[in-house]
Structure formats: C-alpha cells, structure tokens
Amino acid sequence: MDCTKCRIEEIESARLALGYKICLTCGEAAAREEANRRKGQTAIAYPKGGYQYITDKLDLENLG
C-alpha cells in the first residue's frame, strides 16, 4: 500500500499492522509540525508553577 499523503513511498507491512497509513518520512514531518504548534501553547498557569500545555480556552482566560 502506498502512503496516503505523498503517494510515493510504500508503507512497510509492520507499520500497516500498527494502523499507520502514511510513510515514515511523512509521519516525521507531521510530528515536527505538531511539536512546533504545541510549543506555542505552553505557559505558566500558576504563580511559581512550571510551564504547562494549554489546551482549554478557560485555562487560557485564567492564566496568571
């Protein structure tokens, strides 16, 4: 089966068995994009607290 994203590379059978439908190259690119997007969604939610991943609009409104 070919990659559903680039339609160039053949997906390995072990990867298909795990449920992946995109090749490793496209998967790495997608993971990199997601990591960069999530970098912008971190903030210190409470005084003297560590950085947290902000996913909820209510969390964003209550920061600091």
PDB file of N, CA and C in Angstrom:
ATOM      1  N   MET A   1       0.851  -1.183   0.000  1.00  0.00           N
ATOM      2  CA  MET A   1       0.000   0.000   0.000  1.00  0.00           C
ATOM      3  C   MET A   1       0.894   1.242   0.000  1.00  0.00           C
ATOM      4  N   ASP A   2       0.527   2.229  -0.798  1.00  0.00           N
ATOM      5  CA  ASP A   2       1.285   3.468  -0.862  1.00  0.00           C
ATOM      6  C   ASP A   2       0.825   4.427   0.236  1.00  0.00           C
ATOM      7  N   CYS A   3       1.695   5.362   0.556  1.00  0.00           N
ATOM      8  CA  CYS A   3       1.418   6.396   1.548  1.00  0.00           C
ATOM      9  C   CYS A   3       0.220   7.226   1.092  1.00  0.00           C
ATOM     10  N   THR A   4      -0.711   7.503   1.993  1.00  0.00           N
ATOM     11  CA  THR A   4      -1.894   8.277   1.630  1.00  0.00           C
ATOM     12  C   THR A   4      -1.594   9.764   1.500  1.00  0.00           C
ATOM     13  N   LYS A   5      -0.445  10.206   2.015  1.00  0.00           N
ATOM     14  CA  LYS A   5      -0.114  11.622   1.950  1.00  0.00           C
ATOM     15  C   LYS A   5       0.728  11.950   0.710  1.00  0.00           C
ATOM     16  N   CYS A   6       1.860  11.246   0.534  1.00  0.00           N
ATOM     17  CA  CYS A   6       2.744  11.572  -0.590  1.00  0.00           C
ATOM     18  C   CYS A   6       2.516  10.673  -1.805  1.00  0.00           C
ATOM     19  N   ARG A   7       1.900   9.533  -1.605  1.00  0.00           N
ATOM     20  CA  ARG A   7       1.606   8.565  -2.671  1.00  0.00           C
ATOM     21  C   ARG A   7       2.845   8.089  -3.430  1.00  0.00           C
ATOM     22  N   ILE A   8       4.021   8.235  -2.790  1.00  0.00           N
ATOM     23  CA  ILE A   8       5.260   7.821  -3.436  1.00  0.00           C
ATOM     24  C   ILE A   8       5.827   6.569  -2.782  1.00  0.00           C
ATOM     25  N   GLU A   9       5.992   6.642  -1.467  1.00  0.00           N
ATOM     26  CA  GLU A   9       6.653   5.550  -0.747  1.00  0.00           C
ATOM     27  C   GLU A   9       5.672   4.440  -0.387  1.00  0.00           C
ATOM     28  N   GLU A  10       6.182   3.242  -0.390  1.00  0.00           N
ATOM     29  CA  GLU A  10       5.429   2.065   0.024  1.00  0.00           C
ATOM     30  C   GLU A  10       5.521   1.955   1.545  1.00  0.00           C
ATOM     31  N   ILE A  11       4.399   1.674   2.204  1.00  0.00           N
ATOM     32  CA  ILE A  11       4.390   1.535   3.655  1.00  0.00           C
ATOM     33  C   ILE A  11       4.726   0.094   4.004  1.00  0.00           C
ATOM     34  N   GLU A  12       5.620  -0.064   4.993  1.00  0.00           N
ATOM     35  CA  GLU A  12       6.029  -1.408   5.414  1.00  0.00           C
ATOM     36  C   GLU A  12       4.847  -2.128   6.063  1.00  0.00           C
ATOM     37  N   SER A  13       4.842  -3.453   5.965  1.00  0.00           N
ATOM     38  CA  SER A  13       3.730  -4.245   6.494  1.00  0.00           C
ATOM     39  C   SER A  13       3.613  -4.116   8.012  1.00  0.00           C
ATOM     40  N   ALA A  14       4.734  -4.011   8.712  1.00  0.00           N
ATOM     41  CA  ALA A  14       4.691  -3.860  10.169  1.00  0.00           C
ATOM     42  C   ALA A  14       4.037  -2.530  10.547  1.00  0.00           C
ATOM     43  N   ARG A  15       4.320  -1.507   9.779  1.00  0.00           N
ATOM     44  CA  ARG A  15       3.725  -0.187  10.030  1.00  0.00           C
ATOM     45  C   ARG A  15       2.226  -0.216   9.732  1.00  0.00           C
ATOM     46  N   LEU A  16       1.828  -0.904   8.683  1.00  0.00           N
ATOM     47  CA  LEU A  16       0.407  -1.065   8.365  1.00  0.00           C
ATOM     48  C   LEU A  16      -0.318  -1.833   9.465  1.00  0.00           C
ATOM     49  N   ALA A  17       0.346  -2.849  10.030  1.00  0.00           N
ATOM     50  CA  ALA A  17      -0.254  -3.641  11.099  1.00  0.00           C
ATOM     51  C   ALA A  17      -0.528  -2.796  12.337  1.00  0.00           C
ATOM     52  N   LEU A  18       0.260  -1.751  12.546  1.00  0.00           N
ATOM     53  CA  LEU A  18       0.051  -0.852  13.680  1.00  0.00           C
ATOM     54  C   LEU A  18      -1.025   0.191  13.400  1.00  0.00           C
ATOM     55  N   GLY A  19      -1.514   0.247  12.165  1.00  0.00           N
ATOM     56  CA  GLY A  19      -2.601   1.148  11.819  1.00  0.00           C
ATOM     57  C   GLY A  19      -2.174   2.434  11.132  1.00  0.00           C
ATOM     58  N   TYR A  20      -0.883   2.572  10.836  1.00  0.00           N
ATOM     59  CA  TYR A  20      -0.407   3.780  10.156  1.00  0.00           C
ATOM     60  C   TYR A  20      -0.740   3.707   8.672  1.00  0.00           C
ATOM     61  N   LYS A  21      -1.146   4.837   8.111  1.00  0.00           N
ATOM     62  CA  LYS A  21      -1.472   4.890   6.695  1.00  0.00           C
ATOM     63  C   LYS A  21      -0.568   5.857   5.939  1.00  0.00           C
ATOM     64  N   ILE A  22       0.437   6.430   6.642  1.00  0.00           N
ATOM     65  CA  ILE A  22       1.409   7.310   5.995  1.00  0.00           C
ATOM     66  C   ILE A  22       2.810   6.757   6.221  1.00  0.00           C
ATOM     67  N   CYS A  23       3.709   7.091   5.319  1.00  0.00           N
ATOM     68  CA  CYS A  23       5.077   6.583   5.397  1.00  0.00           C
ATOM     69  C   CYS A  23       5.829   7.261   6.545  1.00  0.00           C
ATOM     70  N   LEU A  24       6.979   6.731   6.876  1.00  0.00           N
ATOM     71  CA  LEU A  24       7.779   7.247   7.975  1.00  0.00           C
ATOM     72  C   LEU A  24       8.226   8.683   7.721  1.00  0.00           C
ATOM     73  N   THR A  25       8.583   9.001   6.492  1.00  0.00           N
ATOM     74  CA  THR A  25       9.023  10.352   6.142  1.00  0.00           C
ATOM     75  C   THR A  25       7.899  11.362   6.365  1.00  0.00           C
ATOM     76  N   CYS A  26       6.709  11.065   5.884  1.00  0.00           N
ATOM     77  CA  CYS A  26       5.565  11.961   6.074  1.00  0.00           C
ATOM     78  C   CYS A  26       5.162  12.022   7.544  1.00  0.00           C
ATOM     79  N   GLY A  27       5.273  10.904   8.245  1.00  0.00           N
ATOM     80  CA  GLY A  27       4.940  10.864   9.662  1.00  0.00           C
ATOM     81  C   GLY A  27       5.866  11.739  10.483  1.00  0.00           C
ATOM     82  N   GLU A  28       7.164  11.720  10.161  1.00  0.00           N
ATOM     83  CA  GLU A  28       8.118  12.570  10.864  1.00  0.00           C
ATOM     84  C   GLU A  28       7.829  14.044  10.611  1.00  0.00           C
ATOM     85  N   ALA A  29       7.490  14.386   9.391  1.00  0.00           N
ATOM     86  CA  ALA A  29       7.172  15.777   9.056  1.00  0.00           C
ATOM     87  C   ALA A  29       5.922  16.235   9.809  1.00  0.00           C
ATOM     88  N   ALA A  30       4.917  15.379   9.878  1.00  0.00           N
ATOM     89  CA  ALA A  30       3.686  15.725  10.592  1.00  0.00           C
ATOM     90  C   ALA A  30       3.953  15.882  12.088  1.00  0.00           C
ATOM     91  N   ALA A  31       4.795  15.017  12.650  1.00  0.00           N
ATOM     92  CA  ALA A  31       5.135  15.100  14.071  1.00  0.00           C
ATOM     93  C   ALA A  31       5.901  16.383  14.367  1.00  0.00           C
ATOM     94  N   ARG A  32       6.792  16.772  13.465  1.00  0.00           N
ATOM     95  CA  ARG A  32       7.556  18.007  13.642  1.00  0.00           C
ATOM     96  C   ARG A  32       6.631  19.228  13.623  1.00  0.00           C
ATOM     97  N   GLU A  33       5.676  19.241  12.712  1.00  0.00           N
ATOM     98  CA  GLU A  33       4.702  20.335  12.638  1.00  0.00           C
ATOM     99  C   GLU A  33       3.873  20.416  13.916  1.00  0.00           C
ATOM    100  N   GLU A  34       3.433  19.262  14.419  1.00  0.00           N
ATOM    101  CA  GLU A  34       2.632  19.230  15.639  1.00  0.00           C
ATOM    102  C   GLU A  34       3.437  19.711  16.843  1.00  0.00           C
ATOM    103  N   ALA A  35       4.699  19.313  16.934  1.00  0.00           N
ATOM    104  CA  ALA A  35       5.556  19.754  18.039  1.00  0.00           C
ATOM    105  C   ALA A  35       5.752  21.263  17.994  1.00  0.00           C
ATOM    106  N   ASN A  36       5.954  21.819  16.817  1.00  0.00           N
ATOM    107  CA  ASN A  36       6.113  23.268  16.687  1.00  0.00           C
ATOM    108  C   ASN A  36       4.824  24.005  17.035  1.00  0.00           C
ATOM    109  N   ARG A  37       3.690  23.440  16.687  1.00  0.00           N
ATOM    110  CA  ARG A  37       2.409  24.056  17.029  1.00  0.00           C
ATOM    111  C   ARG A  37       2.207  24.052  18.542  1.00  0.00           C
ATOM    112  N   ARG A  38       2.548  22.956  19.195  1.00  0.00           N
ATOM    113  CA  ARG A  38       2.356  22.842  20.643  1.00  0.00           C
ATOM    114  C   ARG A  38       3.317  23.724  21.435  1.00  0.00           C
ATOM    115  N   LYS A  39       4.453  24.061  20.853  1.00  0.00           N
ATOM    116  CA  LYS A  39       5.387  24.953  21.539  1.00  0.00           C
ATOM    117  C   LYS A  39       4.743  26.289  21.852  1.00  0.00           C
ATOM    118  N   GLY A  40       3.853  26.730  20.992  1.00  0.00           N
ATOM    119  CA  GLY A  40       3.164  27.990  21.194  1.00  0.00           C
ATOM    120  C   GLY A  40       2.014  27.905  22.177  1.00  0.00           C
ATOM    121  N   GLN A  41       1.718  26.717  22.674  1.00  0.00           N
ATOM    122  CA  GLN A  41       0.598  26.532  23.581  1.00  0.00           C
ATOM    123  C   GLN A  41       1.056  26.188  24.990  1.00  0.00           C
ATOM    124  N   THR A  42       2.228  26.665  25.395  1.00  0.00           N
ATOM    125  CA  THR A  42       2.694  26.435  26.750  1.00  0.00           C
ATOM    126  C   THR A  42       2.780  27.764  27.481  1.00  0.00           C
ATOM    127  N   ALA A  43       2.468  27.728  28.759  1.00  0.00           N
ATOM    128  CA  ALA A  43       2.521  28.935  29.575  1.00  0.00           C
ATOM    129  C   ALA A  43       2.618  28.529  31.035  1.00  0.00           C
ATOM    130  N   ILE A  44       2.998  29.481  31.868  1.00  0.00           N
ATOM    131  CA  ILE A  44       2.989  29.245  33.307  1.00  0.00           C
ATOM    132  C   ILE A  44       1.579  29.552  33.778  1.00  0.00           C
ATOM    133  N   ALA A  45       0.859  28.515  34.202  1.00  0.00           N
ATOM    134  CA  ALA A  45      -0.550  28.671  34.548  1.00  0.00           C
ATOM    135  C   ALA A  45      -0.755  29.230  35.952  1.00  0.00           C
ATOM    136  N   TYR A  46       0.187  29.008  36.847  1.00  0.00           N
ATOM    137  CA  TYR A  46       0.048  29.443  38.230  1.00  0.00           C
ATOM    138  C   TYR A  46       1.346  30.097  38.681  1.00  0.00           C
ATOM    139  N   PRO A  47       1.271  31.053  39.616  1.00  0.00           N
ATOM    140  CA  PRO A  47       2.497  31.669  40.124  1.00  0.00           C
ATOM    141  C   PRO A  47       3.442  30.613  40.690  1.00  0.00           C
ATOM    142  N   LYS A  48       4.706  30.734  40.372  1.00  0.00           N
ATOM    143  CA  LYS A  48       5.764  29.811  40.798  1.00  0.00           C
ATOM    144  C   LYS A  48       5.553  28.398  40.262  1.00  0.00           C
ATOM    145  N   GLY A  49       4.728  28.247  39.257  1.00  0.00           N
ATOM    146  CA  GLY A  49       4.484  26.937  38.673  1.00  0.00           C
ATOM    147  C   GLY A  49       5.326  26.738  37.430  1.00  0.00           C
ATOM    148  N   GLY A  50       5.411  25.524  37.005  1.00  0.00           N
ATOM    149  CA  GLY A  50       6.149  25.212  35.791  1.00  0.00           C
ATOM    150  C   GLY A  50       5.287  25.445  34.559  1.00  0.00           C
ATOM    151  N   TYR A  51       5.908  25.356  33.419  1.00  0.00           N
ATOM    152  CA  TYR A  51       5.172  25.515  32.165  1.00  0.00           C
ATOM    153  C   TYR A  51       4.207  24.357  31.994  1.00  0.00           C
ATOM    154  N   GLN A  52       3.018  24.659  31.495  1.00  0.00           N
ATOM    155  CA  GLN A  52       2.009  23.645  31.248  1.00  0.00           C
ATOM    156  C   GLN A  52       1.483  23.802  29.837  1.00  0.00           C
ATOM    157  N   TYR A  53       1.023  22.704  29.290  1.00  0.00           N
ATOM    158  CA  TYR A  53       0.428  22.702  27.954  1.00  0.00           C
ATOM    159  C   TYR A  53      -1.009  23.181  28.079  1.00  0.00           C
ATOM    160  N   ILE A  54      -1.345  24.265  27.402  1.00  0.00           N
ATOM    161  CA  ILE A  54      -2.677  24.864  27.484  1.00  0.00           C
ATOM    162  C   ILE A  54      -3.531  24.329  26.336  1.00  0.00           C
ATOM    163  N   THR A  55      -4.617  23.655  26.694  1.00  0.00           N
ATOM    164  CA  THR A  55      -5.489  23.073  25.675  1.00  0.00           C
ATOM    165  C   THR A  55      -6.895  23.640  25.725  1.00  0.00           C
ATOM    166  N   ASP A  56      -7.250  24.240  26.828  1.00  0.00           N
ATOM    167  CA  ASP A  56      -8.619  24.689  27.048  1.00  0.00           C
ATOM    168  C   ASP A  56      -8.677  26.215  27.044  1.00  0.00           C
ATOM    169  N   LYS A  57      -9.702  26.781  26.451  1.00  0.00           N
ATOM    170  CA  LYS A  57      -9.848  28.231  26.407  1.00  0.00           C
ATOM    171  C   LYS A  57     -10.018  28.799  27.812  1.00  0.00           C
ATOM    172  N   LEU A  58     -10.682  28.066  28.699  1.00  0.00           N
ATOM    173  CA  LEU A  58     -10.872  28.511  30.081  1.00  0.00           C
ATOM    174  C   LEU A  58      -9.524  28.623  30.797  1.00  0.00           C
ATOM    175  N   ASP A  59      -8.624  27.674  30.554  1.00  0.00           N
ATOM    176  CA  ASP A  59      -7.280  27.753  31.131  1.00  0.00           C
ATOM    177  C   ASP A  59      -6.569  29.023  30.647  1.00  0.00           C
ATOM    178  N   LEU A  60      -6.723  29.321  29.394  1.00  0.00           N
ATOM    179  CA  LEU A  60      -6.088  30.498  28.810  1.00  0.00           C
ATOM    180  C   LEU A  60      -6.624  31.781  29.448  1.00  0.00           C
ATOM    181  N   GLU A  61      -7.922  31.839  29.711  1.00  0.00           N
ATOM    182  CA  GLU A  61      -8.525  33.025  30.308  1.00  0.00           C
ATOM    183  C   GLU A  61      -8.102  33.212  31.764  1.00  0.00           C
ATOM    184  N   ASN A  62      -7.753  32.123  32.464  1.00  0.00           N
ATOM    185  CA  ASN A  62      -7.424  32.183  33.888  1.00  0.00           C
ATOM    186  C   ASN A  62      -5.924  32.224  34.164  1.00  0.00           C
ATOM    187  N   LEU A  63      -5.099  32.405  33.161  1.00  0.00           N
ATOM    188  CA  LEU A  63      -3.657  32.429  33.381  1.00  0.00           C
ATOM    189  C   LEU A  63      -3.247  33.596  34.252  1.00  0.00           C
ATOM    190  N   GLY A  64      -2.286  33.323  35.152  1.00  0.00           N
ATOM    191  CA  GLY A  64      -1.640  34.355  35.952  1.00  0.00           C
ATOM    192  C   GLY A  64      -2.576  35.035  36.866  1.00  0.00           C
TER     193      GLY A  64
END
